[in-house]
């Protein structure tokens, strides 16, 4: 079992390097945008199908 200090250092190292790379943040934003866009597209298709069926 790691000590609290070691865990804190690991977390700080991990998030520090992640924050230092703007590319990581950009990838996260793009990924979230793609997921939301896909979800909206699926919702629109479902809504159209339901409207046609009713």
C-alpha atoms as a PDB file:
ATOM      1  CA  UNK A   1       0.000   0.000   0.000  1.00  0.00           C
ATOM      2  CA  UNK A   2       1.422   3.404  -0.986  1.00  0.00           C
ATOM      3  CA  UNK A   3       1.648   6.211   1.482  1.00  0.00           C
ATOM      4  CA  UNK A   4      -0.537   9.293   1.209  1.00  0.00           C
ATOM      5  CA  UNK A   5       2.454  11.399   0.128  1.00  0.00           C
ATOM      6  CA  UNK A   6       3.327   9.009  -2.705  1.00  0.00           C
ATOM      7  CA  UNK A   7      -0.271   9.006  -3.940  1.00  0.00           C
ATOM      8  CA  UNK A   8      -0.395  12.802  -3.834  1.00  0.00           C
ATOM      9  CA  UNK A   9       2.848  12.956  -5.823  1.00  0.00           C
ATOM     10  CA  UNK A  10       1.499  10.516  -8.437  1.00  0.00           C
ATOM     11  CA  UNK A  11      -1.701  12.524  -8.832  1.00  0.00           C
ATOM     12  CA  UNK A  12       0.243  15.791  -9.036  1.00  0.00           C
ATOM     13  CA  UNK A  13       2.609  14.335 -11.648  1.00  0.00           C
ATOM     14  CA  UNK A  14      -0.252  12.923 -13.708  1.00  0.00           C
ATOM     15  CA  UNK A  15      -2.431  16.037 -13.701  1.00  0.00           C
ATOM     16  CA  UNK A  16       0.559  18.347 -13.964  1.00  0.00           C
ATOM     17  CA  UNK A  17       1.771  16.778 -17.200  1.00  0.00           C
ATOM     18  CA  UNK A  18      -1.806  16.646 -18.476  1.00  0.00           C
ATOM     19  CA  UNK A  19      -2.298  20.353 -17.772  1.00  0.00           C
ATOM     20  CA  UNK A  20       1.055  21.219 -19.380  1.00  0.00           C
ATOM     21  CA  UNK A  21      -0.112  19.689 -22.676  1.00  0.00           C
ATOM     22  CA  UNK A  22      -2.799  21.860 -24.322  1.00  0.00           C
ATOM     23  CA  UNK A  23      -3.194  19.030 -26.839  1.00  0.00           C
ATOM     24  CA  UNK A  24      -4.671  16.837 -24.090  1.00  0.00           C
ATOM     25  CA  UNK A  25      -7.273  19.469 -23.246  1.00  0.00           C
ATOM     26  CA  UNK A  26      -8.048  20.036 -26.928  1.00  0.00           C
ATOM     27  CA  UNK A  27      -8.521  16.289 -27.437  1.00  0.00           C
ATOM     28  CA  UNK A  28     -10.863  16.145 -24.444  1.00  0.00           C
ATOM     29  CA  UNK A  29     -12.925  19.081 -25.779  1.00  0.00           C
ATOM     30  CA  UNK A  30     -13.084  17.597 -29.288  1.00  0.00           C
ATOM     31  CA  UNK A  31     -14.036  14.174 -27.910  1.00  0.00           C
ATOM     32  CA  UNK A  32     -16.816  15.685 -25.780  1.00  0.00           C
ATOM     33  CA  UNK A  33     -18.072  17.707 -28.761  1.00  0.00           C
ATOM     34  CA  UNK A  34     -18.115  14.587 -30.957  1.00  0.00           C
ATOM     35  CA  UNK A  35     -20.016  12.611 -28.317  1.00  0.00           C
ATOM     36  CA  UNK A  36     -22.612  15.372 -27.901  1.00  0.00           C
ATOM     37  CA  UNK A  37     -22.961  15.784 -31.669  1.00  0.00           C
ATOM     38  CA  UNK A  38     -23.433  12.037 -32.134  1.00  0.00           C
ATOM     39  CA  UNK A  39     -25.997  11.926 -29.329  1.00  0.00           C
ATOM     40  CA  UNK A  40     -27.912  14.861 -30.862  1.00  0.00           C
ATOM     41  CA  UNK A  41     -27.850  13.181 -34.295  1.00  0.00           C
ATOM     42  CA  UNK A  42     -29.161   9.901 -32.853  1.00  0.00           C
ATOM     43  CA  UNK A  43     -31.878  11.794 -30.963  1.00  0.00           C
ATOM     44  CA  UNK A  44     -32.919  13.619 -34.150  1.00  0.00           C
ATOM     45  CA  UNK A  45     -33.120  10.345 -36.109  1.00  0.00           C
ATOM     46  CA  UNK A  46     -35.209   8.729 -33.357  1.00  0.00           C
ATOM     47  CA  UNK A  47     -37.518  11.772 -33.223  1.00  0.00           C
ATOM     48  CA  UNK A  48     -38.042  11.672 -37.023  1.00  0.00           C
ATOM     49  CA  UNK A  49     -38.739   7.921 -36.967  1.00  0.00           C
ATOM     50  CA  UNK A  50     -41.246   8.351 -34.124  1.00  0.00           C
ATOM     51  CA  UNK A  51     -42.932  11.235 -35.946  1.00  0.00           C
ATOM     52  CA  UNK A  52     -43.260   9.163 -39.134  1.00  0.00           C
ATOM     53  CA  UNK A  53     -44.642   6.167 -37.252  1.00  0.00           C
ATOM     54  CA  UNK A  54     -47.273   8.094 -35.303  1.00  0.00           C
END
